[in-house]
């Protein structure tokens, strides 16, 4: 059976779902792919919001990212704590901003 999945999932995202001792995925590959697409899409959609916050309301890029991270960590966000962290780090990368120090 061939694998026709065309999207490259970065190692940083695979790490969220990999058992450190056994180096195996803890979830089926289909689940990991679906979660990656959700998280990557969310990071991309947050670009404009982050730029607006940086120019209008929030005094620093780091504070913008911290606030977004706090929002993503809420129970209603639909992402895990690890995914929230990955999304914010990816968002910083997409914006060309300095990597924030996150919990």
N, C-alpha and C. Protein backbone atom coordinates (compact mmCIF):
# COMPACT_ATOMS: atom_id res chain seq x y z
N UNK A 1 0.85 -1.16 0.00
CA UNK A 1 0.00 0.00 0.00
C UNK A 1 0.90 1.23 0.00
N UNK A 2 0.60 2.19 -0.90
CA UNK A 2 1.41 3.40 -0.95
C UNK A 2 0.81 4.47 -0.05
N UNK A 3 1.66 5.37 0.36
CA UNK A 3 1.23 6.46 1.21
C UNK A 3 1.25 7.73 0.36
N UNK A 4 0.07 8.21 -0.02
CA UNK A 4 -0.04 9.35 -0.92
C UNK A 4 -0.15 10.69 -0.18
N UNK A 5 0.14 10.69 1.09
CA UNK A 5 0.05 11.93 1.87
C UNK A 5 1.18 12.86 1.43
N UNK A 6 0.83 14.07 1.02
CA UNK A 6 1.79 14.99 0.41
C UNK A 6 2.37 16.02 1.36
N UNK A 7 1.83 16.18 2.54
CA UNK A 7 2.28 17.21 3.47
C UNK A 7 3.39 16.67 4.35
N UNK A 8 4.50 17.40 4.40
CA UNK A 8 5.60 17.03 5.28
C UNK A 8 5.30 17.54 6.69
N UNK A 9 5.24 16.64 7.63
CA UNK A 9 5.02 17.01 9.02
C UNK A 9 6.39 17.18 9.67
N UNK A 10 6.64 18.33 10.29
CA UNK A 10 7.96 18.54 10.90
C UNK A 10 8.19 17.63 12.11
N UNK A 11 9.44 17.33 12.34
CA UNK A 11 9.82 16.49 13.47
C UNK A 11 9.33 17.07 14.79
N UNK A 12 9.30 18.40 14.89
CA UNK A 12 8.84 19.04 16.13
C UNK A 12 7.39 18.68 16.44
N UNK A 13 6.59 18.48 15.41
CA UNK A 13 5.19 18.09 15.66
C UNK A 13 5.11 16.60 15.96
N UNK A 14 5.84 15.77 15.23
CA UNK A 14 5.86 14.33 15.53
C UNK A 14 6.27 14.10 16.98
N UNK A 15 7.17 14.93 17.49
CA UNK A 15 7.65 14.77 18.86
C UNK A 15 6.52 14.87 19.88
N UNK A 16 5.48 15.61 19.55
CA UNK A 16 4.34 15.74 20.47
C UNK A 16 3.62 14.42 20.66
N UNK A 17 3.73 13.55 19.70
CA UNK A 17 2.99 12.28 19.71
C UNK A 17 3.90 11.05 19.75
N UNK A 18 5.16 11.26 20.06
CA UNK A 18 6.11 10.15 20.07
C UNK A 18 6.48 9.77 21.50
N UNK A 19 6.47 8.49 21.77
CA UNK A 19 6.91 7.97 23.05
C UNK A 19 8.44 8.10 23.10
N UNK A 20 8.95 8.84 24.05
CA UNK A 20 10.38 9.13 24.11
C UNK A 20 11.23 7.87 24.29
N UNK A 21 10.73 6.91 25.03
CA UNK A 21 11.53 5.70 25.28
C UNK A 21 11.53 4.77 24.07
N UNK A 22 10.38 4.55 23.48
CA UNK A 22 10.28 3.58 22.40
C UNK A 22 10.40 4.20 21.02
N UNK A 23 10.37 5.53 20.95
CA UNK A 23 10.44 6.24 19.68
C UNK A 23 9.37 5.78 18.69
N UNK A 24 8.17 5.55 19.23
CA UNK A 24 7.02 5.18 18.40
C UNK A 24 5.89 6.15 18.65
N UNK A 25 5.07 6.32 17.63
CA UNK A 25 3.91 7.19 17.79
C UNK A 25 2.93 6.59 18.80
N UNK A 26 2.37 7.44 19.64
CA UNK A 26 1.37 7.01 20.61
C UNK A 26 -0.04 7.03 20.02
N UNK A 27 -0.19 7.64 18.86
CA UNK A 27 -1.47 7.74 18.17
C UNK A 27 -1.31 7.22 16.75
N UNK A 28 -2.37 6.80 16.10
CA UNK A 28 -2.28 6.38 14.70
C UNK A 28 -1.81 7.55 13.83
N UNK A 29 -1.09 7.23 12.78
CA UNK A 29 -0.54 8.26 11.89
C UNK A 29 -1.64 9.16 11.32
N UNK A 30 -2.80 8.61 11.05
CA UNK A 30 -3.91 9.41 10.54
C UNK A 30 -4.34 10.49 11.54
N UNK A 31 -4.33 10.14 12.80
CA UNK A 31 -4.67 11.11 13.85
C UNK A 31 -3.62 12.20 13.93
N UNK A 32 -2.36 11.82 13.88
CA UNK A 32 -1.27 12.80 13.94
C UNK A 32 -1.35 13.75 12.74
N UNK A 33 -1.62 13.22 11.58
CA UNK A 33 -1.74 14.06 10.38
C UNK A 33 -2.89 15.04 10.52
N UNK A 34 -4.02 14.56 10.99
CA UNK A 34 -5.19 15.43 11.16
C UNK A 34 -4.91 16.53 12.18
N UNK A 35 -4.28 16.18 13.29
CA UNK A 35 -3.96 17.17 14.32
C UNK A 35 -2.93 18.18 13.79
N UNK A 36 -1.97 17.72 13.01
CA UNK A 36 -0.98 18.63 12.42
C UNK A 36 -1.68 19.66 11.53
N UNK A 37 -2.58 19.20 10.69
CA UNK A 37 -3.27 20.11 9.78
C UNK A 37 -4.07 21.15 10.56
N UNK A 38 -4.73 20.74 11.64
CA UNK A 38 -5.48 21.68 12.48
C UNK A 38 -4.52 22.71 13.08
N UNK A 39 -3.42 22.24 13.64
CA UNK A 39 -2.48 23.14 14.32
C UNK A 39 -1.78 24.08 13.35
N UNK A 40 -1.38 23.58 12.21
CA UNK A 40 -0.72 24.42 11.20
C UNK A 40 -1.71 25.47 10.67
N UNK A 41 -2.94 25.06 10.41
CA UNK A 41 -3.95 26.01 9.95
C UNK A 41 -4.22 27.09 11.00
N UNK A 42 -4.28 26.67 12.25
CA UNK A 42 -4.53 27.63 13.32
C UNK A 42 -3.39 28.64 13.43
N UNK A 43 -2.16 28.16 13.37
CA UNK A 43 -1.00 29.07 13.42
C UNK A 43 -1.06 30.07 12.27
N UNK A 44 -1.41 29.60 11.10
CA UNK A 44 -1.50 30.48 9.93
C UNK A 44 -2.62 31.51 10.10
N UNK A 45 -3.75 31.08 10.61
CA UNK A 45 -4.88 31.99 10.81
C UNK A 45 -4.61 33.02 11.89
N UNK A 46 -3.73 32.72 12.82
CA UNK A 46 -3.43 33.65 13.91
C UNK A 46 -2.44 34.75 13.51
N UNK A 47 -1.84 34.64 12.35
CA UNK A 47 -0.84 35.63 11.92
C UNK A 47 -1.42 37.04 11.93
N UNK A 48 -2.55 37.23 11.29
CA UNK A 48 -3.13 38.57 11.19
C UNK A 48 -3.55 39.10 12.56
N UNK A 49 -4.13 38.25 13.38
CA UNK A 49 -4.53 38.68 14.73
C UNK A 49 -3.30 39.11 15.52
N UNK A 50 -2.23 38.37 15.43
CA UNK A 50 -1.01 38.71 16.16
C UNK A 50 -0.45 40.04 15.68
N UNK A 51 -0.45 40.27 14.39
CA UNK A 51 0.06 41.54 13.85
C UNK A 51 -0.79 42.71 14.34
N UNK A 52 -2.09 42.54 14.33
CA UNK A 52 -2.99 43.61 14.79
C UNK A 52 -2.73 43.91 16.27
N UNK A 53 -2.65 42.86 17.08
CA UNK A 53 -2.38 43.06 18.51
C UNK A 53 -1.05 43.78 18.72
N UNK A 54 -0.05 43.42 17.96
CA UNK A 54 1.27 44.02 18.12
C UNK A 54 1.27 45.50 17.76
N UNK A 55 0.42 45.89 16.84
CA UNK A 55 0.41 47.29 16.40
C UNK A 55 -0.61 48.15 17.12
N UNK A 56 -1.58 47.54 17.77
CA UNK A 56 -2.67 48.32 18.35
C UNK A 56 -2.71 48.25 19.88
N UNK A 57 -2.65 47.04 20.43
CA UNK A 57 -2.97 46.88 21.84
C UNK A 57 -1.80 46.47 22.74
N UNK A 58 -0.96 45.62 22.27
CA UNK A 58 0.01 44.97 23.14
C UNK A 58 1.40 45.56 22.90
N UNK A 59 2.12 45.86 23.97
CA UNK A 59 3.40 46.57 23.82
C UNK A 59 4.56 45.76 23.23
N UNK A 60 4.50 44.45 23.25
CA UNK A 60 5.63 43.68 22.72
C UNK A 60 5.17 42.41 22.00
N UNK A 61 5.99 41.96 21.10
CA UNK A 61 5.69 40.72 20.37
C UNK A 61 5.61 39.55 21.34
N UNK A 62 6.51 39.52 22.31
CA UNK A 62 6.49 38.44 23.29
C UNK A 62 5.17 38.40 24.05
N UNK A 63 4.66 39.56 24.43
CA UNK A 63 3.39 39.62 25.15
C UNK A 63 2.24 39.15 24.26
N UNK A 64 2.28 39.50 22.99
CA UNK A 64 1.25 39.02 22.05
C UNK A 64 1.24 37.50 22.05
N UNK A 65 2.41 36.91 21.91
CA UNK A 65 2.51 35.45 21.85
C UNK A 65 2.11 34.81 23.17
N UNK A 66 2.45 35.44 24.28
CA UNK A 66 2.05 34.92 25.59
C UNK A 66 0.53 34.92 25.73
N UNK A 67 -0.11 35.97 25.27
CA UNK A 67 -1.58 36.06 25.37
C UNK A 67 -2.25 35.02 24.47
N UNK A 68 -1.73 34.86 23.28
CA UNK A 68 -2.29 33.84 22.38
C UNK A 68 -2.12 32.46 22.99
N UNK A 69 -0.95 32.22 23.58
CA UNK A 69 -0.68 30.93 24.23
C UNK A 69 -1.67 30.69 25.36
N UNK A 70 -1.92 31.71 26.16
CA UNK A 70 -2.87 31.57 27.26
C UNK A 70 -4.26 31.23 26.72
N UNK A 71 -4.65 31.86 25.64
CA UNK A 71 -5.95 31.56 25.04
C UNK A 71 -6.04 30.14 24.51
N UNK A 72 -4.97 29.69 23.90
CA UNK A 72 -4.96 28.33 23.34
C UNK A 72 -4.93 27.26 24.43
N UNK A 73 -4.49 27.63 25.61
CA UNK A 73 -4.44 26.66 26.71
C UNK A 73 -5.77 26.53 27.43
N UNK A 74 -6.75 27.34 27.06
CA UNK A 74 -8.07 27.25 27.71
C UNK A 74 -8.76 25.96 27.26
N UNK A 75 -9.63 25.42 28.09
CA UNK A 75 -10.29 24.15 27.75
C UNK A 75 -11.11 24.20 26.46
N UNK A 76 -11.61 25.37 26.11
CA UNK A 76 -12.46 25.50 24.93
C UNK A 76 -11.68 25.66 23.62
N UNK A 77 -10.36 25.73 23.69
CA UNK A 77 -9.55 25.99 22.50
C UNK A 77 -9.53 24.81 21.53
N UNK A 78 -9.70 23.60 22.04
CA UNK A 78 -9.74 22.43 21.16
C UNK A 78 -8.38 21.86 20.82
N UNK A 79 -7.34 22.33 21.53
CA UNK A 79 -6.00 21.78 21.31
C UNK A 79 -5.40 21.41 22.67
N UNK A 80 -4.48 20.48 22.65
CA UNK A 80 -3.82 20.07 23.89
C UNK A 80 -2.81 21.15 24.31
N UNK A 81 -2.32 21.03 25.52
CA UNK A 81 -1.30 21.97 26.02
C UNK A 81 -0.06 21.91 25.14
N UNK A 82 0.36 20.71 24.76
CA UNK A 82 1.54 20.56 23.90
C UNK A 82 1.29 21.17 22.53
N UNK A 83 0.10 20.96 21.99
CA UNK A 83 -0.24 21.54 20.70
C UNK A 83 -0.28 23.06 20.78
N UNK A 84 -0.81 23.61 21.88
CA UNK A 84 -0.86 25.06 22.06
C UNK A 84 0.54 25.65 22.01
N UNK A 85 1.46 25.01 22.69
CA UNK A 85 2.85 25.47 22.68
C UNK A 85 3.42 25.41 21.27
N UNK A 86 3.20 24.30 20.57
CA UNK A 86 3.71 24.15 19.21
C UNK A 86 3.12 25.23 18.29
N UNK A 87 1.84 25.49 18.41
CA UNK A 87 1.18 26.50 17.57
C UNK A 87 1.82 27.87 17.77
N UNK A 88 2.07 28.25 19.02
CA UNK A 88 2.65 29.56 19.29
C UNK A 88 4.10 29.63 18.79
N UNK A 89 4.85 28.56 18.95
CA UNK A 89 6.22 28.56 18.43
C UNK A 89 6.21 28.63 16.90
N UNK A 90 5.28 27.95 16.28
CA UNK A 90 5.15 28.01 14.83
C UNK A 90 4.70 29.40 14.39
N UNK A 91 3.79 30.01 15.12
CA UNK A 91 3.34 31.36 14.83
C UNK A 91 4.51 32.34 14.88
N UNK A 92 5.32 32.24 15.91
CA UNK A 92 6.50 33.11 16.01
C UNK A 92 7.41 32.91 14.80
N UNK A 93 7.58 31.67 14.38
CA UNK A 93 8.40 31.37 13.22
C UNK A 93 7.80 32.00 11.95
N UNK A 94 6.51 31.85 11.76
CA UNK A 94 5.84 32.41 10.59
C UNK A 94 5.93 33.93 10.55
N UNK A 95 5.89 34.56 11.71
CA UNK A 95 5.95 36.01 11.79
C UNK A 95 7.39 36.54 11.74
N UNK A 96 8.35 35.65 11.95
CA UNK A 96 9.74 36.09 12.02
C UNK A 96 10.06 36.79 13.33
N UNK A 97 9.28 36.44 14.38
CA UNK A 97 9.47 37.02 15.70
C UNK A 97 10.37 36.10 16.52
N UNK A 98 10.92 36.66 17.57
CA UNK A 98 11.78 35.89 18.47
C UNK A 98 10.96 34.81 19.17
N UNK A 99 11.55 33.66 19.37
CA UNK A 99 10.88 32.55 20.04
C UNK A 99 10.58 32.92 21.49
N UNK A 100 9.33 32.82 21.89
CA UNK A 100 8.97 33.19 23.27
C UNK A 100 9.34 32.08 24.26
N UNK A 101 9.50 32.47 25.50
CA UNK A 101 9.69 31.50 26.57
C UNK A 101 8.31 31.12 27.08
N UNK A 102 7.90 29.89 26.85
CA UNK A 102 6.57 29.43 27.24
C UNK A 102 6.68 28.39 28.34
N UNK A 103 5.61 28.28 29.12
CA UNK A 103 5.56 27.26 30.19
C UNK A 103 5.50 25.88 29.60
